[in-house]
Amino acid sequence: MFGKLLKYEFKSLGKWYLSLYAITGLLSLVIGFWVQTIAYRSEHNARFLENGPAFAESLLLGFTIFAFAIIIIGLLISTFFLVVSRFYKNIYGRQGYLTMTLPVNSHQLILSKLVAALIWYFIASLVILLSGFIIAGISLSQQMPSMADFVNEAWTQFIFLISLYFLDGILFFFSIFINTVLGILLSYFAISLGQLFKDHRVLLAVAFYVGLNFVLGIIQTMTSITSTVNYEEVMVPIRQNPVLLVLNILMALGFYFGTHFIMTKKLNLQ
């Protein structure tokens, strides 16, 4: 049943995200080839090199880049709001009456939405990263020999750093994963707290979310300050604070079980 819940999550949001991904990829290709064309004309046309592209072309290129930036930002923001919106509507909205009749428990409901949210965040980050590589790769294709040397050197340095700081690298990505899970579960818990009240549930959920984020930020900052950090740790930026990492895990568990408690013991559907 857990698999069916995940399938439903992807089916309901798949078309929306696929459209955003397609637009992002298309604009990446357009910008990449456009910049490549400008670079080629600059190298082979002295007049173009002196005067640059026409005003209309510059304006249109600037608008395209701006639209691309808006889409990238919108992709991240929409991912958050759609994930949060689906949790609220499916659990505490009108759809909650149908959701709660499904032959699944609260743990399966929360985990299915959490896993789906993590996958969407991962895909969104991957699309943004690939878009940057597409633009850079196409734009710099005229300098492929030097680009190849740069990539080889960068890869060599990357392998060296991985071998030198392998454990730190694993902890770094694990910390990113925990922070993402923490953020999602915090939003679920804030929504759950908001539905405890009869009126203004959405507004109260937002207020709880902002307040919890503020308190969590203070706790994390104080933990970072009071934790012992030696000179070697300062010289390795990716090295994680183990105390802060454990704290984030405990906070994530607290938000998870807090959400589960409200869903099972304090559920108040309208």
Protein backbone atom coordinates (compact mmCIF):
# COMPACT_ATOMS: atom_id res chain seq x y z
CA MET A 1 0.00 0.00 0.00
CA PHE A 2 2.92 2.30 0.68
CA GLY A 3 3.98 1.94 -2.96
CA LYS A 4 0.49 2.87 -4.13
CA LEU A 5 0.58 6.01 -1.98
CA LEU A 6 3.88 7.03 -3.58
CA LYS A 7 2.53 6.31 -7.05
CA TYR A 8 -0.47 8.53 -6.35
CA GLU A 9 1.78 11.36 -5.15
CA PHE A 10 3.86 11.31 -8.34
CA LYS A 11 0.85 10.91 -10.61
CA SER A 12 -0.93 13.90 -9.10
CA LEU A 13 2.05 16.26 -9.40
CA GLY A 14 4.00 14.72 -12.27
CA LYS A 15 2.52 16.79 -15.11
CA TRP A 16 3.16 20.08 -13.31
CA TYR A 17 6.78 19.30 -12.55
CA LEU A 18 7.51 17.77 -15.96
CA SER A 19 6.30 20.99 -17.58
CA LEU A 20 8.62 23.08 -15.42
CA TYR A 21 11.55 20.74 -16.12
CA ALA A 22 10.89 20.87 -19.88
CA ILE A 23 10.75 24.68 -19.88
CA THR A 24 13.95 24.85 -17.81
CA GLY A 25 15.78 22.52 -20.19
CA LEU A 26 14.54 24.39 -23.28
CA LEU A 27 15.65 27.77 -21.95
CA SER A 28 19.03 26.28 -21.01
CA LEU A 29 19.55 25.20 -24.62
CA VAL A 30 18.38 28.56 -25.98
CA ILE A 31 20.65 30.57 -23.68
CA GLY A 32 23.61 28.26 -24.28
CA PHE A 33 23.43 28.42 -28.07
CA TRP A 34 22.67 32.14 -27.98
CA VAL A 35 25.74 32.93 -25.88
CA GLN A 36 27.81 30.61 -28.07
CA THR A 37 26.68 32.52 -31.18
CA ILE A 38 27.60 35.86 -29.61
CA ALA A 39 31.03 34.51 -28.63
CA TYR A 40 31.59 33.16 -32.17
CA ARG A 41 30.65 36.48 -33.77
CA SER A 42 32.92 38.31 -31.36
CA GLU A 43 35.87 36.16 -32.44
CA HIS A 44 35.23 36.31 -36.19
CA ASN A 45 33.71 39.76 -36.68
CA ALA A 46 35.78 42.79 -35.70
CA ARG A 47 32.85 45.15 -36.03
CA PHE A 48 30.67 42.97 -33.81
CA LEU A 49 33.52 42.74 -31.29
CA GLU A 50 33.72 46.53 -31.17
CA ASN A 51 30.00 47.33 -31.07
CA GLY A 52 28.59 44.18 -29.49
CA PRO A 53 25.11 42.79 -30.17
CA ALA A 54 22.28 45.10 -31.20
CA PHE A 55 20.20 46.70 -28.49
CA ALA A 56 17.14 44.60 -29.36
CA GLU A 57 19.16 41.38 -29.21
CA SER A 58 20.76 42.36 -25.91
CA LEU A 59 17.36 43.22 -24.48
CA LEU A 60 15.84 39.95 -25.66
CA LEU A 61 18.77 37.91 -24.33
CA GLY A 62 18.56 39.71 -21.00
CA PHE A 63 14.82 39.01 -20.83
CA THR A 64 15.43 35.31 -21.61
CA ILE A 65 18.07 35.01 -18.88
CA PHE A 66 15.75 36.81 -16.45
CA ALA A 67 12.91 34.42 -17.34
CA PHE A 68 15.27 31.49 -16.81
CA ALA A 69 16.25 32.80 -13.36
CA ILE A 70 12.58 33.29 -12.46
CA ILE A 71 11.78 29.73 -13.51
CA ILE A 72 14.69 28.36 -11.46
CA ILE A 73 13.50 30.27 -8.39
CA GLY A 74 9.92 29.31 -9.13
CA LEU A 75 10.92 25.66 -9.41
CA LEU A 76 12.32 25.67 -5.88
CA ILE A 77 9.48 27.70 -4.39
CA SER A 78 6.74 25.76 -6.17
CA THR A 79 8.27 22.48 -5.01
CA PHE A 80 7.96 23.63 -1.41
CA PHE A 81 4.46 25.05 -1.71
CA LEU A 82 3.06 22.13 -3.69
CA VAL A 83 4.50 19.62 -1.23
CA VAL A 84 3.09 21.54 1.73
CA SER A 85 -0.24 22.16 -0.02
CA ARG A 86 -0.72 18.48 -0.81
CA PHE A 87 -0.04 17.49 2.77
CA TYR A 88 -2.57 20.00 4.09
CA LYS A 89 -5.30 19.17 1.56
CA ASN A 90 -4.84 15.39 1.72
CA ILE A 91 -4.68 15.16 5.51
CA TYR A 92 -6.53 18.13 7.00
CA GLY A 93 -8.61 19.44 4.10
CA ARG A 94 -11.76 17.99 2.60
CA GLN A 95 -9.75 15.17 1.03
CA GLY A 96 -8.81 14.14 4.57
CA TYR A 97 -12.13 12.32 4.99
CA LEU A 98 -11.22 10.05 2.07
CA THR A 99 -7.56 9.76 3.06
CA MET A 100 -8.39 8.59 6.57
CA THR A 101 -10.61 5.81 5.22
CA LEU A 102 -7.71 4.23 3.32
CA PRO A 103 -6.35 0.94 4.74
CA VAL A 104 -3.09 2.61 5.82
CA ASN A 105 -1.81 3.98 9.10
CA SER A 106 -0.55 7.46 9.87
CA HIS A 107 3.08 6.41 9.63
CA GLN A 108 2.57 5.27 6.03
CA LEU A 109 0.79 8.51 5.15
CA ILE A 110 3.52 10.71 6.58
CA LEU A 111 6.38 8.64 5.19
CA SER A 112 4.88 8.42 1.70
CA LYS A 113 4.55 12.18 1.50
CA LEU A 114 8.00 12.69 3.01
CA VAL A 115 9.67 10.31 0.53
CA ALA A 116 7.80 11.88 -2.40
CA ALA A 117 8.84 15.36 -1.24
CA LEU A 118 12.50 14.31 -0.93
CA ILE A 119 12.45 12.85 -4.44
CA TRP A 120 10.92 16.01 -5.89
CA TYR A 121 13.52 18.17 -4.13
CA PHE A 122 16.30 15.93 -5.43
CA ILE A 123 15.01 16.03 -9.01
CA ALA A 124 14.55 19.81 -8.86
CA SER A 125 18.13 20.27 -7.62
CA LEU A 126 19.41 17.89 -10.31
CA VAL A 127 17.53 19.76 -13.06
CA ILE A 128 18.98 23.08 -11.90
CA LEU A 129 22.49 21.62 -11.79
CA LEU A 130 22.16 20.04 -15.24
CA SER A 131 20.77 23.30 -16.64
CA GLY A 132 23.89 25.11 -15.48
CA PHE A 133 26.11 22.45 -17.08
CA ILE A 134 24.14 22.67 -20.34
CA ILE A 135 24.55 26.44 -20.54
CA ALA A 136 28.24 26.32 -19.62
CA GLY A 137 28.97 23.38 -21.92
CA ILE A 138 27.31 24.87 -24.99
CA SER A 139 28.58 28.40 -24.35
CA LEU A 140 32.19 27.26 -23.94
CA SER A 141 32.14 24.63 -26.70
CA GLN A 142 34.44 26.82 -28.82
CA GLN A 143 37.08 26.46 -26.12
CA MET A 144 36.71 22.69 -25.79
CA PRO A 145 40.46 21.93 -25.75
CA SER A 146 41.06 24.27 -22.82
CA MET A 147 37.72 23.23 -21.36
CA ALA A 148 38.79 19.58 -21.48
CA ASP A 149 42.00 20.41 -19.62
CA PHE A 150 39.99 22.31 -17.04
CA VAL A 151 37.56 19.41 -16.55
CA ASN A 152 40.42 16.93 -16.22
CA GLU A 153 42.17 19.11 -13.66
CA ALA A 154 38.93 19.67 -11.75
CA TRP A 155 38.20 15.93 -11.74
CA THR A 156 41.72 15.16 -10.51
CA GLN A 157 41.33 17.63 -7.66
CA PHE A 158 37.89 16.24 -6.86
CA ILE A 159 39.22 12.67 -6.61
CA PHE A 160 42.07 13.91 -4.43
CA LEU A 161 39.71 15.72 -2.06
CA ILE A 162 37.37 12.70 -1.92
CA SER A 163 40.26 10.44 -0.96
CA LEU A 164 41.47 12.96 1.61
CA TYR A 165 38.12 13.88 3.14
CA PHE A 166 35.96 10.84 2.29
CA LEU A 167 34.22 10.61 5.66
CA ASP A 168 33.73 14.38 5.82
CA GLY A 169 32.14 14.27 2.37
CA ILE A 170 29.72 11.54 3.40
CA LEU A 171 28.76 13.45 6.55
CA PHE A 172 28.37 16.64 4.53
CA PHE A 173 25.81 15.11 2.14
CA PHE A 174 24.14 13.27 5.02
CA SER A 175 23.80 16.60 6.81
CA ILE A 176 22.16 18.13 3.72
CA PHE A 177 19.76 15.19 3.63
CA ILE A 178 18.90 15.57 7.33
CA ASN A 179 18.37 19.33 6.96
CA THR A 180 16.00 18.73 4.05
CA VAL A 181 14.05 16.14 6.01
CA LEU A 182 13.99 18.49 9.01
CA GLY A 183 12.57 21.33 6.92
CA ILE A 184 9.82 19.16 5.44
CA LEU A 185 8.81 17.64 8.78
CA LEU A 186 8.84 21.08 10.41
CA SER A 187 6.30 22.27 7.82
CA TYR A 188 4.14 19.16 8.42
CA PHE A 189 4.22 19.75 12.17
CA ALA A 190 3.34 23.45 11.75
CA ILE A 191 0.35 22.52 9.58
CA SER A 192 -0.72 19.95 12.17
CA LEU A 193 -0.52 22.53 14.95
CA GLY A 194 -2.58 24.97 12.91
CA GLN A 195 -5.43 22.50 12.42
CA LEU A 196 -5.85 22.16 16.18
CA PHE A 197 -7.74 25.45 16.07
CA LYS A 198 -11.22 26.00 14.71
CA ASP A 199 -10.62 29.17 12.67
CA HIS A 200 -7.75 30.69 10.66
CA ARG A 201 -5.98 27.37 10.34
CA VAL A 202 -3.80 28.33 7.39
CA LEU A 203 -2.77 31.62 8.98
CA LEU A 204 -1.92 29.89 12.25
CA ALA A 205 0.02 27.19 10.40
CA VAL A 206 2.12 29.90 8.73
CA ALA A 207 2.65 31.59 12.10
CA PHE A 208 3.72 28.29 13.67
CA TYR A 209 6.07 27.62 10.75
CA VAL A 210 7.77 31.01 11.07
CA GLY A 211 7.95 30.70 14.87
CA LEU A 212 9.35 27.17 14.80
CA ASN A 213 11.92 28.17 12.20
CA PHE A 214 12.98 31.11 14.36
CA VAL A 215 13.33 28.99 17.51
CA LEU A 216 15.10 26.22 15.60
CA GLY A 217 17.54 28.73 14.13
CA ILE A 218 18.39 30.07 17.58
CA ILE A 219 18.91 26.55 18.96
CA GLN A 220 21.13 25.58 16.02
CA THR A 221 23.16 28.78 16.32
CA MET A 222 23.68 28.35 20.05
CA THR A 223 24.64 24.71 19.53
CA SER A 224 27.20 25.69 16.88
CA ILE A 225 28.68 28.38 19.12
CA THR A 226 28.92 26.24 22.25
CA SER A 227 30.25 23.16 20.45
CA THR A 228 34.01 22.71 20.44
CA VAL A 229 35.56 23.45 17.04
CA ASN A 230 39.30 22.99 16.59
CA TYR A 231 41.59 24.62 14.06
CA GLU A 232 41.54 21.65 11.70
CA GLU A 233 37.74 21.72 11.51
CA VAL A 234 37.80 25.40 10.58
CA MET A 235 40.20 24.64 7.70
CA VAL A 236 37.77 22.03 6.29
CA PRO A 237 34.56 23.90 5.36
CA ILE A 238 32.56 20.73 4.66
CA ARG A 239 33.33 19.25 8.08
CA GLN A 240 30.09 18.96 10.02
CA ASN A 241 29.44 19.68 13.66
CA PRO A 242 28.46 16.26 15.10
CA VAL A 243 26.51 17.83 17.97
CA LEU A 244 24.47 19.94 15.55
CA LEU A 245 23.89 16.92 13.32
CA VAL A 246 22.56 14.86 16.24
CA LEU A 247 20.39 17.80 17.32
CA ASN A 248 18.86 18.08 13.83
CA ILE A 249 18.10 14.36 13.81
CA LEU A 250 16.40 14.61 17.21
CA MET A 251 14.41 17.66 16.12
CA ALA A 252 13.32 15.88 12.94
CA LEU A 253 12.14 12.90 14.98
CA GLY A 254 10.31 15.25 17.33
CA PHE A 255 8.48 16.94 14.44
CA TYR A 256 7.67 13.55 12.91
CA PHE A 257 6.19 12.02 16.04
CA GLY A 258 4.48 15.30 16.91
CA THR A 259 2.74 15.23 13.53
CA HIS A 260 1.86 11.57 14.01
CA PHE A 261 0.41 12.23 17.47
CA ILE A 262 -1.83 15.03 16.21
CA MET A 263 -2.98 12.97 13.22
CA THR A 264 -3.91 10.01 15.42
CA LYS A 265 -5.06 11.65 18.66
CA LYS A 266 -6.08 15.22 17.83
CA LEU A 267 -7.37 15.02 14.26
CA ASN A 268 -10.03 17.67 13.70
CA LEU A 269 -11.26 17.68 10.11
CA GLN A 270 -13.58 20.42 8.94
